Amino acid sequence: MQYRNLGKWGLKVSEISIGSWMTDLNGLGAAETARQSIRAAYDAGVNFFDCADAYSGGEAEKFLGKALREYKRSSYVVSSKVFFPVGRGANDWGLSRKHIIEQVDSSLKNMKLDYLDLYFCHRFDPTTPVEETMQALSDMVAQGKILYYGVSEWSPVQIMKALSVIRELHLRPMSVIQPQYNMIDRYIEDEIVQICAENGIGIVPFSPLAQGLLTGKYRKGQPLPAGSRATHQAGKQINKLLTDANLEKVEKLSRVAAQLGVPLSVMALSWVLRLPQISSVITGASKPEQVEANVAASGFTIPDDAMEEIEDILRYRPFVRKIG
């Protein structure tokens, strides 16, 4: 496993990290498999584990905290997020000072930790002033409850507004963002990557395999694999990605990966890591074998000729409007 700095900051995170969004905790067998996956990741050198207060109603945080308890605290980096509802009360969601402080304490209690390494704002909250949110996060850093903070799916304008408020109020700096990013969804290349580069902000993208599309298990003209995400999340993200155009790209990308002698998933993860602004890619894994496959991407470099072929397949065109 190789490690990268979190943007310009001193924290080192593994190039491959593990997320808890899709962790199945239903039943003893599923929980044990999830525990084995975390152990396999840690043994492979993964030191960054991502979670959120809303995942499984807080149970994901409790599970992750218990699973990591057998390891030395200084040996791993753990994160959580805030925004989505955790109850029915008027203040049980969003990015108000009240909700942030309460949820930081709740996450620490769930994981039985003294501090969180990273803390993210899931989404932008239009009902709360940005200065209130940034001040609360800065105060949590000052109190030692979180070490670094950032945002997840925020627009470039929203990120720039936050950075402006931080400078104006002399707050603790934003260190990291967690957007979606993969071969199919490259919107952060339009503006966000440059914003992060100019401000020393690390990027730790989620869904680097496009909900499983870039594993190659979904093929054009073939039935959905039994037990796959597309069969038990019908109508949600992965199903919307299963278009003929995307599946045709998968066919072509799979041939490039075969020429390189690696699974499509390894090539797709390595492709994300090609950007120096990427600090780590957050992967999901439902079993240890998937963890082992994903960590193989750390240190793997796609040759220039293969990269050119990949770009020709993807045919991405950043949004540019000529002015004048």
C-alpha atoms as a PDB file:
ATOM      1  CA  MET A   1       0.000   0.000   0.000  1.00  0.00           C
ATOM      2  CA  GLN A   2       1.176   3.491  -0.814  1.00  0.00           C
ATOM      3  CA  TYR A   3       0.199   6.633   1.068  1.00  0.00           C
ATOM      4  CA  ARG A   4      -0.433  10.239   0.112  1.00  0.00           C
ATOM      5  CA  ASN A   5      -0.722  13.480   2.019  1.00  0.00           C
ATOM      6  CA  LEU A   6      -4.174  14.917   2.553  1.00  0.00           C
ATOM      7  CA  GLY A   7      -3.742  17.831   0.168  1.00  0.00           C
ATOM      8  CA  LYS A   8      -0.929  20.053   1.427  1.00  0.00           C
ATOM      9  CA  TRP A   9      -1.436  18.871   5.005  1.00  0.00           C
ATOM     10  CA  GLY A  10       0.684  16.455   7.007  1.00  0.00           C
ATOM     11  CA  LEU A  11      -1.867  13.648   7.432  1.00  0.00           C
ATOM     12  CA  LYS A  12      -1.032  10.532   5.399  1.00  0.00           C
ATOM     13  CA  VAL A  13      -3.855   8.372   4.075  1.00  0.00           C
ATOM     14  CA  SER A  14      -3.739   5.106   2.153  1.00  0.00           C
ATOM     15  CA  GLU A  15      -4.377   5.421  -1.577  1.00  0.00           C
ATOM     16  CA  ILE A  16      -7.220   2.934  -1.160  1.00  0.00           C
ATOM     17  CA  SER A  17      -9.687   3.474   1.677  1.00  0.00           C
ATOM     18  CA  ILE A  18     -12.851   1.731   2.850  1.00  0.00           C
ATOM     19  CA  GLY A  19     -16.318   3.274   3.057  1.00  0.00           C
ATOM     20  CA  SER A  20     -19.272   2.084   5.124  1.00  0.00           C
ATOM     21  CA  TRP A  21     -22.236   3.271   3.057  1.00  0.00           C
ATOM     22  CA  MET A  22     -23.036  -0.174   1.648  1.00  0.00           C
ATOM     23  CA  THR A  23     -21.952  -2.209   4.667  1.00  0.00           C
ATOM     24  CA  ASP A  24     -24.524  -4.972   5.247  1.00  0.00           C
ATOM     25  CA  LEU A  25     -25.105  -5.500   8.972  1.00  0.00           C
ATOM     26  CA  ASN A  26     -28.244  -7.608   8.694  1.00  0.00           C
ATOM     27  CA  GLY A  27     -27.591 -10.868  10.503  1.00  0.00           C
ATOM     28  CA  LEU A  28     -24.579 -12.366  12.231  1.00  0.00           C
ATOM     29  CA  GLY A  29     -23.167 -13.764   8.994  1.00  0.00           C
ATOM     30  CA  ALA A  30     -23.247 -10.420   7.223  1.00  0.00           C
ATOM     31  CA  ALA A  31     -21.737  -8.595  10.189  1.00  0.00           C
ATOM     32  CA  GLU A  32     -18.923 -11.124  10.431  1.00  0.00           C
ATOM     33  CA  THR A  33     -18.190 -10.792   6.720  1.00  0.00           C
ATOM     34  CA  ALA A  34     -18.049  -7.005   7.116  1.00  0.00           C
ATOM     35  CA  ARG A  35     -15.695  -7.403  10.070  1.00  0.00           C
ATOM     36  CA  GLN A  36     -13.447  -9.689   8.041  1.00  0.00           C
ATOM     37  CA  SER A  37     -13.402  -7.105   5.239  1.00  0.00           C
ATOM     38  CA  ILE A  38     -12.193  -4.395   7.610  1.00  0.00           C
ATOM     39  CA  ARG A  39      -9.536  -6.738   8.978  1.00  0.00           C
ATOM     40  CA  ALA A  40      -8.405  -7.645   5.453  1.00  0.00           C
ATOM     41  CA  ALA A  41      -8.187  -3.948   4.566  1.00  0.00           C
ATOM     42  CA  TYR A  42      -6.175  -3.068   7.660  1.00  0.00           C
ATOM     43  CA  ASP A  43      -3.836  -6.016   7.114  1.00  0.00           C
ATOM     44  CA  ALA A  44      -3.311  -4.837   3.518  1.00  0.00           C
ATOM     45  CA  GLY A  45      -2.223  -1.401   4.699  1.00  0.00           C
ATOM     46  CA  VAL A  46      -5.494   0.522   4.460  1.00  0.00           C
ATOM     47  CA  ASN A  47      -5.473   3.169   7.189  1.00  0.00           C
ATOM     48  CA  PHE A  48      -8.493   5.309   6.207  1.00  0.00           C
ATOM     49  CA  PHE A  49     -12.039   4.218   7.073  1.00  0.00           C
ATOM     50  CA  ASP A  50     -15.012   6.419   6.153  1.00  0.00           C
ATOM     51  CA  CYS A  51     -18.454   6.484   7.762  1.00  0.00           C
ATOM     52  CA  ALA A  52     -21.404   8.825   8.472  1.00  0.00           C
ATOM     53  CA  ASP A  53     -23.925   9.436  11.216  1.00  0.00           C
ATOM     54  CA  ALA A  54     -26.870   8.549   8.964  1.00  0.00           C
ATOM     55  CA  TYR A  55     -25.515   5.208   7.707  1.00  0.00           C
ATOM     56  CA  SER A  56     -27.768   2.439   9.039  1.00  0.00           C
ATOM     57  CA  GLY A  57     -29.205   4.837  11.609  1.00  0.00           C
ATOM     58  CA  GLY A  58     -25.914   5.102  13.493  1.00  0.00           C
ATOM     59  CA  GLU A  59     -25.303   1.365  13.548  1.00  0.00           C
ATOM     60  CA  ALA A  60     -22.564   1.638  10.905  1.00  0.00           C
ATOM     61  CA  GLU A  61     -20.594   3.989  13.174  1.00  0.00           C
ATOM     62  CA  LYS A  62     -21.004   1.642  16.140  1.00  0.00           C
ATOM     63  CA  PHE A  63     -19.919  -1.332  14.048  1.00  0.00           C
ATOM     64  CA  LEU A  64     -16.891   0.426  12.582  1.00  0.00           C
ATOM     65  CA  GLY A  65     -15.773   1.745  15.958  1.00  0.00           C
ATOM     66  CA  LYS A  66     -15.965  -1.740  17.467  1.00  0.00           C
ATOM     67  CA  ALA A  67     -14.134  -3.316  14.524  1.00  0.00           C
ATOM     68  CA  LEU A  68     -11.275  -0.807  14.757  1.00  0.00           C
ATOM     69  CA  ARG A  69     -10.950  -1.049  18.526  1.00  0.00           C
ATOM     70  CA  GLU A  70      -8.459  -3.903  18.299  1.00  0.00           C
ATOM     71  CA  TYR A  71      -5.977  -1.614  16.543  1.00  0.00           C
ATOM     72  CA  LYS A  72      -3.804   1.171  17.902  1.00  0.00           C
ATOM     73  CA  ARG A  73      -5.690   4.466  17.520  1.00  0.00           C
ATOM     74  CA  SER A  74      -2.743   6.262  15.948  1.00  0.00           C
ATOM     75  CA  SER A  75      -2.553   3.620  13.193  1.00  0.00           C
ATOM     76  CA  TYR A  76      -5.801   4.511  11.438  1.00  0.00           C
ATOM     77  CA  VAL A  77      -7.756   7.501  10.167  1.00  0.00           C
ATOM     78  CA  VAL A  78     -11.528   7.548  10.617  1.00  0.00           C
ATOM     79  CA  SER A  79     -14.120   9.973   9.313  1.00  0.00           C
ATOM     80  CA  SER A  80     -17.800  10.723   9.630  1.00  0.00           C
ATOM     81  CA  LYS A  81     -20.281  13.119   8.056  1.00  0.00           C
ATOM     82  CA  VAL A  82     -23.229  15.305   8.987  1.00  0.00           C
ATOM     83  CA  PHE A  83     -26.311  16.717   7.223  1.00  0.00           C
ATOM     84  CA  PHE A  84     -28.952  14.056   6.543  1.00  0.00           C
ATOM     85  CA  PRO A  85     -31.801  13.517   9.041  1.00  0.00           C
ATOM     86  CA  VAL A  86     -31.075  11.379  12.085  1.00  0.00           C
ATOM     87  CA  GLY A  87     -34.501  11.938  13.658  1.00  0.00           C
ATOM     88  CA  ARG A  88     -37.846  13.635  13.159  1.00  0.00           C
ATOM     89  CA  GLY A  89     -37.098  16.863  15.014  1.00  0.00           C
ATOM     90  CA  ALA A  90     -36.779  20.233  13.298  1.00  0.00           C
ATOM     91  CA  ASN A  91     -33.080  20.370  14.223  1.00  0.00           C
ATOM     92  CA  ASP A  92     -32.264  16.723  13.521  1.00  0.00           C
ATOM     93  CA  TRP A  93     -30.698  17.518  10.156  1.00  0.00           C
ATOM     94  CA  GLY A  94     -28.665  20.169   8.357  1.00  0.00           C
ATOM     95  CA  LEU A  95     -25.563  22.154   9.196  1.00  0.00           C
ATOM     96  CA  SER A  96     -26.597  24.396  12.074  1.00  0.00           C
ATOM     97  CA  ARG A  97     -24.183  24.857  14.943  1.00  0.00           C
ATOM     98  CA  LYS A  98     -26.569  22.936  17.180  1.00  0.00           C
ATOM     99  CA  HIS A  99     -26.807  19.931  14.882  1.00  0.00           C
ATOM    100  CA  ILE A 100     -23.086  19.802  14.073  1.00  0.00           C
ATOM    101  CA  ILE A 101     -22.000  19.870  17.718  1.00  0.00           C
ATOM    102  CA  GLU A 102     -24.620  17.310  18.723  1.00  0.00           C
ATOM    103  CA  GLN A 103     -23.697  14.975  15.874  1.00  0.00           C
ATOM    104  CA  VAL A 104     -19.955  15.214  16.461  1.00  0.00           C
ATOM    105  CA  ASP A 105     -20.606  14.114  20.029  1.00  0.00           C
ATOM    106  CA  SER A 106     -22.986  11.390  18.834  1.00  0.00           C
ATOM    107  CA  SER A 107     -20.446  10.022  16.345  1.00  0.00           C
ATOM    108  CA  LEU A 108     -17.724   9.990  18.985  1.00  0.00           C
ATOM    109  CA  LYS A 109     -20.055   8.156  21.350  1.00  0.00           C
ATOM    110  CA  ASN A 110     -21.085   5.645  18.674  1.00  0.00           C
ATOM    111  CA  MET A 111     -17.477   4.861  17.779  1.00  0.00           C
ATOM    112  CA  LYS A 112     -16.201   5.201  21.344  1.00  0.00           C
ATOM    113  CA  LEU A 113     -13.462   7.579  20.200  1.00  0.00           C
ATOM    114  CA  ASP A 114     -11.945  10.728  21.657  1.00  0.00           C
ATOM    115  CA  TYR A 115     -11.647  12.418  18.272  1.00  0.00           C
ATOM    116  CA  LEU A 116     -12.452  12.016  14.566  1.00  0.00           C
ATOM    117  CA  ASP A 117      -9.628  12.490  12.085  1.00  0.00           C
ATOM    118  CA  LEU A 118     -11.883  13.840   9.319  1.00  0.00           C
ATOM    119  CA  TYR A 119     -15.377  15.326   9.392  1.00  0.00           C
ATOM    120  CA  PHE A 120     -17.470  16.168   6.322  1.00  0.00           C
ATOM    121  CA  CYS A 121     -20.597  18.159   5.533  1.00  0.00           C
ATOM    122  CA  HIS A 122     -22.562  15.748   3.326  1.00  0.00           C
ATOM    123  CA  ARG A 123     -24.490  18.394   1.396  1.00  0.00           C
ATOM    124  CA  PHE A 124     -24.895  22.174   1.356  1.00  0.00           C
ATOM    125  CA  ASP A 125     -27.553  23.518   3.736  1.00  0.00           C
ATOM    126  CA  PRO A 126     -29.378  26.506   2.200  1.00  0.00           C
ATOM    127  CA  THR A 127     -31.222  27.115   5.494  1.00  0.00           C
ATOM    128  CA  THR A 128     -28.034  27.840   7.461  1.00  0.00           C
ATOM    129  CA  PRO A 129     -25.496  30.642   6.873  1.00  0.00           C
ATOM    130  CA  VAL A 130     -22.168  29.289   5.641  1.00  0.00           C
ATOM    131  CA  GLU A 131     -20.363  31.290   8.328  1.00  0.00           C
ATOM    132  CA  GLU A 132     -22.338  29.473  11.055  1.00  0.00           C
ATOM    133  CA  THR A 133     -21.341  26.086   9.645  1.00  0.00           C
ATOM    134  CA  MET A 134     -17.671  26.950   9.112  1.00  0.00           C
ATOM    135  CA  GLN A 135     -17.386  28.538  12.572  1.00  0.00           C
ATOM    136  CA  ALA A 136     -18.845  25.434  14.213  1.00  0.00           C
ATOM    137  CA  LEU A 137     -16.436  23.142  12.344  1.00  0.00           C
ATOM    138  CA  SER A 138     -13.481  25.387  13.194  1.00  0.00           C
ATOM    139  CA  ASP A 139     -14.506  25.312  16.859  1.00  0.00           C
ATOM    140  CA  MET A 140     -14.654  21.506  16.787  1.00  0.00           C
ATOM    141  CA  VAL A 141     -11.066  21.486  15.506  1.00  0.00           C
ATOM    142  CA  ALA A 142     -10.027  23.942  18.227  1.00  0.00           C
ATOM    143  CA  GLN A 143     -11.592  21.671  20.852  1.00  0.00           C
ATOM    144  CA  GLY A 144      -9.766  18.623  19.458  1.00  0.00           C
ATOM    145  CA  LYS A 145     -12.955  16.728  18.637  1.00  0.00           C
ATOM    146  CA  ILE A 146     -12.075  16.663  14.926  1.00  0.00           C
ATOM    147  CA  LEU A 147      -8.659  17.153  13.356  1.00  0.00           C
ATOM    148  CA  TYR A 148      -9.512  18.076   9.748  1.00  0.00           C
ATOM    149  CA  TYR A 149     -12.795  19.045   8.126  1.00  0.00           C
ATOM    150  CA  GLY A 150     -14.278  19.422   4.676  1.00  0.00           C
ATOM    151  CA  VAL A 151     -17.356  18.966   2.519  1.00  0.00           C
ATOM    152  CA  SER A 152     -18.735  16.280   0.241  1.00  0.00           C
ATOM    153  CA  GLU A 153     -21.097  17.036  -2.637  1.00  0.00           C
ATOM    154  CA  TRP A 154     -20.862  20.845  -2.786  1.00  0.00           C
ATOM    155  CA  SER A 155     -20.797  22.922  -5.961  1.00  0.00           C
ATOM    156  CA  PRO A 156     -17.738  24.998  -6.911  1.00  0.00           C
ATOM    157  CA  VAL A 157     -19.574  28.201  -5.942  1.00  0.00           C
ATOM    158  CA  GLN A 158     -20.500  26.760  -2.543  1.00  0.00           C
ATOM    159  CA  ILE A 159     -16.924  25.621  -1.902  1.00  0.00           C
ATOM    160  CA  MET A 160     -15.552  29.036  -2.872  1.00  0.00           C
ATOM    161  CA  LYS A 161     -18.081  30.739  -0.567  1.00  0.00           C
ATOM    162  CA  ALA A 162     -16.907  28.548   2.315  1.00  0.00           C
ATOM    163  CA  LEU A 163     -13.244  29.295   1.582  1.00  0.00           C
ATOM    164  CA  SER A 164     -13.999  33.020   1.490  1.00  0.00           C
ATOM    165  CA  VAL A 165     -15.765  32.877   4.864  1.00  0.00           C
ATOM    166  CA  ILE A 166     -12.879  30.897   6.367  1.00  0.00           C
ATOM    167  CA  ARG A 167     -10.365  33.537   5.254  1.00  0.00           C
ATOM    168  CA  GLU A 168     -12.562  36.441   6.307  1.00  0.00           C
ATOM    169  CA  LEU A 169     -13.167  35.053   9.814  1.00  0.00           C
ATOM    170  CA  HIS A 170      -9.649  33.588  10.221  1.00  0.00           C
ATOM    171  CA  LEU A 171     -11.016  30.102  10.877  1.00  0.00           C
ATOM    172  CA  ARG A 172      -9.253  26.761  10.855  1.00  0.00           C
ATOM    173  CA  PRO A 173      -8.759  25.823   7.174  1.00  0.00           C
ATOM    174  CA  MET A 174     -10.760  23.402   5.088  1.00  0.00           C
ATOM    175  CA  SER A 175      -8.518  20.424   4.333  1.00  0.00           C
ATOM    176  CA  VAL A 176     -10.477  17.911   2.274  1.00  0.00           C
ATOM    177  CA  ILE A 177     -13.493  17.292   0.030  1.00  0.00           C
ATOM    178  CA  GLN A 178     -15.326  14.048  -0.746  1.00  0.00           C
ATOM    179  CA  PRO A 179     -17.113  14.266  -4.115  1.00  0.00           C
ATOM    180  CA  GLN A 180     -18.231  11.521  -6.450  1.00  0.00           C
ATOM    181  CA  TYR A 181     -15.635  10.838  -9.132  1.00  0.00           C
ATOM    182  CA  ASN A 182     -15.024   8.047 -11.606  1.00  0.00           C
ATOM    183  CA  MET A 183     -14.534   7.387 -15.323  1.00  0.00           C
ATOM    184  CA  ILE A 184     -18.242   7.924 -15.982  1.00  0.00           C
ATOM    185  CA  ASP A 185     -18.800  10.979 -13.770  1.00  0.00           C
ATOM    186  CA  ARG A 186     -15.960  13.509 -14.157  1.00  0.00           C
ATOM    187  CA  TYR A 187     -17.676  16.763 -13.223  1.00  0.00           C
ATOM    188  CA  ILE A 188     -15.033  17.724 -10.645  1.00  0.00           C
ATOM    189  CA  GLU A 189     -12.480  18.116 -13.448  1.00  0.00           C
ATOM    190  CA  ASP A 190     -14.325  21.195 -14.727  1.00  0.00           C
ATOM    191  CA  GLU A 191     -13.556  23.419 -11.715  1.00  0.00           C
ATOM    192  CA  ILE A 192     -13.286  21.614  -8.375  1.00  0.00           C
ATOM    193  CA  VAL A 193      -9.921  19.935  -9.004  1.00  0.00           C
ATOM    194  CA  GLN A 194      -8.349  23.316  -9.738  1.00  0.00           C
ATOM    195  CA  ILE A 195      -9.957  24.887  -6.663  1.00  0.00           C
ATOM    196  CA  CYS A 196      -8.484  22.118  -4.511  1.00  0.00           C
ATOM    197  CA  ALA A 197      -5.053  22.408  -6.141  1.00  0.00           C
ATOM    198  CA  GLU A 198      -4.919  26.148  -5.519  1.00  0.00           C
ATOM    199  CA  ASN A 199      -6.001  25.808  -1.883  1.00  0.00           C
ATOM    200  CA  GLY A 200      -4.083  22.677  -0.884  1.00  0.00           C
ATOM    201  CA  ILE A 201      -7.277  20.686  -0.345  1.00  0.00           C
ATOM    202  CA  GLY A 202      -7.124  16.902  -0.630  1.00  0.00           C
ATOM    203  CA  ILE A 203      -9.764  14.989  -2.606  1.00  0.00           C
ATOM    204  CA  VAL A 204     -11.036  11.622  -1.341  1.00  0.00           C
ATOM    205  CA  PRO A 205     -13.707  10.637  -3.895  1.00  0.00           C
ATOM    206  CA  PHE A 206     -16.430   8.100  -3.330  1.00  0.00           C
ATOM    207  CA  SER A 207     -17.971   5.749  -5.909  1.00  0.00           C
ATOM    208  CA  PRO A 208     -14.724   5.368  -7.908  1.00  0.00           C
ATOM    209  CA  LEU A 209     -16.183   2.262  -9.570  1.00  0.00           C
ATOM    210  CA  ALA A 210     -19.474   3.978 -10.490  1.00  0.00           C
ATOM    211  CA  GLN A 211     -21.659   1.881  -8.193  1.00  0.00           C
ATOM    212  CA  GLY A 212     -20.019  -1.302  -9.526  1.00  0.00           C
ATOM    213  CA  LEU A 213     -20.399  -0.493 -13.237  1.00  0.00           C
ATOM    214  CA  LEU A 214     -16.604  -0.327 -13.602  1.00  0.00           C
ATOM    215  CA  THR A 215     -16.042  -3.761 -12.133  1.00  0.00           C
ATOM    216  CA  GLY A 216     -17.137  -5.257 -15.450  1.00  0.00           C
ATOM    217  CA  LYS A 217     -19.788  -7.497 -13.921  1.00  0.00           C
ATOM    218  CA  TYR A 218     -22.592  -5.714 -15.774  1.00  0.00           C
ATOM    219  CA  ARG A 219     -22.396  -6.525 -19.495  1.00  0.00           C
ATOM    220  CA  LYS A 220     -24.453  -5.427 -22.435  1.00  0.00           C
ATOM    221  CA  GLY A 221     -27.105  -7.959 -23.462  1.00  0.00           C
ATOM    222  CA  GLN A 222     -26.577 -10.115 -20.372  1.00  0.00           C
ATOM    223  CA  PRO A 223     -28.869 -10.549 -17.344  1.00  0.00           C
ATOM    224  CA  LEU A 224     -28.032  -8.757 -14.101  1.00  0.00           C
ATOM    225  CA  PRO A 225     -25.693 -10.837 -11.917  1.00  0.00           C
ATOM    226  CA  ALA A 226     -27.553 -12.561  -9.089  1.00  0.00           C
ATOM    227  CA  GLY A 227     -27.159 -10.716  -5.799  1.00  0.00           C
ATOM    228  CA  SER A 228     -25.603  -7.650  -7.422  1.00  0.00           C
ATOM    229  CA  ARG A 229     -26.446  -4.115  -6.322  1.00  0.00           C
ATOM    230  CA  ALA A 230     -28.655  -3.638  -9.370  1.00  0.00           C
ATOM    231  CA  THR A 231     -30.938  -6.468  -8.226  1.00  0.00           C
ATOM    232  CA  HIS A 232     -31.593  -5.182  -4.705  1.00  0.00           C
ATOM    233  CA  GLN A 233     -31.412  -1.438  -5.397  1.00  0.00           C
ATOM    234  CA  ALA A 234     -33.696  -1.414  -8.409  1.00  0.00           C
ATOM    235  CA  GLY A 235     -34.457   2.069  -9.690  1.00  0.00           C
ATOM    236  CA  LYS A 236     -31.565   3.689  -7.840  1.00  0.00           C
ATOM    237  CA  GLN A 237     -28.072   4.878  -8.812  1.00  0.00           C
ATOM    238  CA  ILE A 238     -26.564   1.801 -10.442  1.00  0.00           C
ATOM    239  CA  ASN A 239     -29.651   1.093 -12.559  1.00  0.00           C
ATOM    240  CA  LYS A 240     -29.541   4.608 -14.015  1.00  0.00           C
ATOM    241  CA  LEU A 241     -25.951   3.966 -15.091  1.00  0.00           C
ATOM    242  CA  LEU A 242     -26.758   0.768 -16.988  1.00  0.00           C
ATOM    243  CA  THR A 243     -27.284   2.490 -20.328  1.00  0.00           C
ATOM    244  CA  ASP A 244     -26.197   1.050 -23.670  1.00  0.00           C
ATOM    245  CA  ALA A 245     -23.647   3.857 -24.055  1.00  0.00           C
ATOM    246  CA  ASN A 246     -22.062   3.157 -20.676  1.00  0.00           C
ATOM    247  CA  LEU A 247     -22.087  -0.606 -21.159  1.00  0.00           C
ATOM    248  CA  GLU A 248     -20.376  -0.162 -24.529  1.00  0.00           C
ATOM    249  CA  LYS A 249     -17.653   1.862 -22.782  1.00  0.00           C
ATOM    250  CA  VAL A 250     -17.288  -0.923 -20.215  1.00  0.00           C
ATOM    251  CA  GLU A 251     -16.749  -3.463 -23.004  1.00  0.00           C
ATOM    252  CA  LYS A 252     -13.983  -1.356 -24.552  1.00  0.00           C
ATOM    253  CA  LEU A 253     -12.392  -0.505 -21.182  1.00  0.00           C
ATOM    254  CA  SER A 254     -12.408  -4.180 -20.213  1.00  0.00           C
ATOM    255  CA  ARG A 255     -10.336  -4.975 -23.291  1.00  0.00           C
ATOM    256  CA  VAL A 256      -7.771  -2.327 -22.333  1.00  0.00           C
ATOM    257  CA  ALA A 257      -7.582  -3.714 -18.797  1.00  0.00           C
ATOM    258  CA  ALA A 258      -7.095  -7.238 -20.174  1.00  0.00           C
ATOM    259  CA  GLN A 259      -4.203  -5.999 -22.296  1.00  0.00           C
ATOM    260  CA  LEU A 260      -2.644  -4.553 -19.138  1.00  0.00           C
ATOM    261  CA  GLY A 261      -3.190  -7.831 -17.296  1.00  0.00           C
ATOM    262  CA  VAL A 262      -5.358  -6.341 -14.529  1.00  0.00           C
ATOM    263  CA  PRO A 263      -9.075  -6.408 -13.661  1.00  0.00           C
ATOM    264  CA  LEU A 264     -11.140  -3.470 -14.917  1.00  0.00           C
ATOM    265  CA  SER A 265     -11.680  -2.389 -11.298  1.00  0.00           C
ATOM    266  CA  VAL A 266      -7.926  -2.028 -10.714  1.00  0.00           C
ATOM    267  CA  MET A 267      -7.522   0.015 -13.874  1.00  0.00           C
ATOM    268  CA  ALA A 268     -10.490   2.221 -12.929  1.00  0.00           C
ATOM    269  CA  LEU A 269      -9.122   2.915  -9.446  1.00  0.00           C
ATOM    270  CA  SER A 270      -5.634   3.573 -10.790  1.00  0.00           C
ATOM    271  CA  TRP A 271      -7.152   5.969 -13.323  1.00  0.00           C
ATOM    272  CA  VAL A 272      -8.695   8.016 -10.482  1.00  0.00           C
ATOM    273  CA  LEU A 273      -5.361   8.040  -8.645  1.00  0.00           C
ATOM    274  CA  ARG A 274      -3.626   9.500 -11.710  1.00  0.00           C
ATOM    275  CA  LEU A 275      -4.510  12.991 -10.451  1.00  0.00           C
ATOM    276  CA  PRO A 276      -2.074  14.352  -7.851  1.00  0.00           C
ATOM    277  CA  GLN A 277      -4.953  16.108  -6.076  1.00  0.00           C
ATOM    278  CA  ILE A 278      -6.497  12.732  -5.205  1.00  0.00           C
ATOM    279  CA  SER A 279      -5.377  11.711  -1.719  1.00  0.00           C
ATOM    280  CA  SER A 280      -7.332   8.452  -1.459  1.00  0.00           C
ATOM    281  CA  VAL A 281     -10.210   6.671  -3.198  1.00  0.00           C
ATOM    282  CA  ILE A 282     -13.055   5.448  -1.005  1.00  0.00           C
ATOM    283  CA  THR A 283     -14.079   1.961  -2.054  1.00  0.00           C
ATOM    284  CA  GLY A 284     -16.907  -0.247  -0.907  1.00  0.00           C
ATOM    285  CA  ALA A 285     -16.357  -3.916  -0.217  1.00  0.00           C
ATOM    286  CA  SER A 286     -18.914  -6.505   0.845  1.00  0.00           C
ATOM    287  CA  LYS A 287     -16.348  -9.271   1.305  1.00  0.00           C
ATOM    288  CA  PRO A 288     -12.581  -9.615   1.887  1.00  0.00           C
ATOM    289  CA  GLU A 289     -11.937 -10.768  -1.686  1.00  0.00           C
ATOM    290  CA  GLN A 290     -13.150  -7.411  -2.993  1.00  0.00           C
ATOM    291  CA  VAL A 291     -10.826  -5.602  -0.604  1.00  0.00           C
ATOM    292  CA  GLU A 292      -7.869  -7.617  -1.855  1.00  0.00           C
ATOM    293  CA  ALA A 293      -8.797  -6.841  -5.464  1.00  0.00           C
ATOM    294  CA  ASN A 294      -9.133  -3.109  -4.820  1.00  0.00           C
ATOM    295  CA  VAL A 295      -5.875  -2.624  -2.918  1.00  0.00           C
ATOM    296  CA  ALA A 296      -3.996  -3.986  -5.944  1.00  0.00           C
ATOM    297  CA  ALA A 297      -4.619  -0.584  -7.562  1.00  0.00           C
ATOM    298  CA  SER A 298      -2.261   1.156  -5.134  1.00  0.00           C
ATOM    299  CA  GLY A 299       1.043   1.670  -6.914  1.00  0.00           C
ATOM    300  CA  PHE A 300      -0.250   0.468 -10.281  1.00  0.00           C
ATOM    301  CA  THR A 301       0.431   2.988 -13.063  1.00  0.00           C
ATOM    302  CA  ILE A 302      -1.418   2.974 -16.366  1.00  0.00           C
ATOM    303  CA  PRO A 303       1.028   3.351 -19.308  1.00  0.00           C
ATOM    304  CA  ASP A 304       0.706   6.494 -21.425  1.00  0.00           C
ATOM    305  CA  ASP A 305      -0.468   4.651 -24.527  1.00  0.00           C
ATOM    306  CA  ALA A 306      -3.194   2.864 -22.575  1.00  0.00           C
ATOM    307  CA  MET A 307      -4.206   6.169 -20.965  1.00  0.00           C
ATOM    308  CA  GLU A 308      -4.643   7.693 -24.422  1.00  0.00           C
ATOM    309  CA  GLU A 309      -6.810   4.750 -25.450  1.00  0.00           C
ATOM    310  CA  ILE A 310      -8.912   5.138 -22.297  1.00  0.00           C
ATOM    311  CA  GLU A 311      -9.467   8.841 -22.939  1.00  0.00           C
ATOM    312  CA  ASP A 312     -10.494   8.069 -26.511  1.00  0.00           C
ATOM    313  CA  ILE A 313     -13.089   5.623 -25.165  1.00  0.00           C
ATOM    314  CA  LEU A 314     -14.434   7.984 -22.508  1.00  0.00           C
ATOM    315  CA  ARG A 315     -14.510  11.040 -24.803  1.00  0.00           C
ATOM    316  CA  TYR A 316     -14.944  13.463 -21.903  1.00  0.00           C
ATOM    317  CA  ARG A 317     -15.303  17.122 -22.799  1.00  0.00           C
ATOM    318  CA  PRO A 318     -15.042  19.590 -19.902  1.00  0.00           C
ATOM    319  CA  PHE A 319     -17.576  22.387 -19.884  1.00  0.00           C
ATOM    320  CA  VAL A 320     -15.997  25.439 -21.513  1.00  0.00           C
ATOM    321  CA  ARG A 321     -17.760  28.569 -22.724  1.00  0.00           C
ATOM    322  CA  LYS A 322     -15.698  30.980 -24.698  1.00  0.00           C
ATOM    323  CA  ILE A 323     -16.253  34.567 -23.598  1.00  0.00           C
ATOM    324  CA  GLY A 324     -15.680  37.480 -25.953  1.00  0.00           C
END
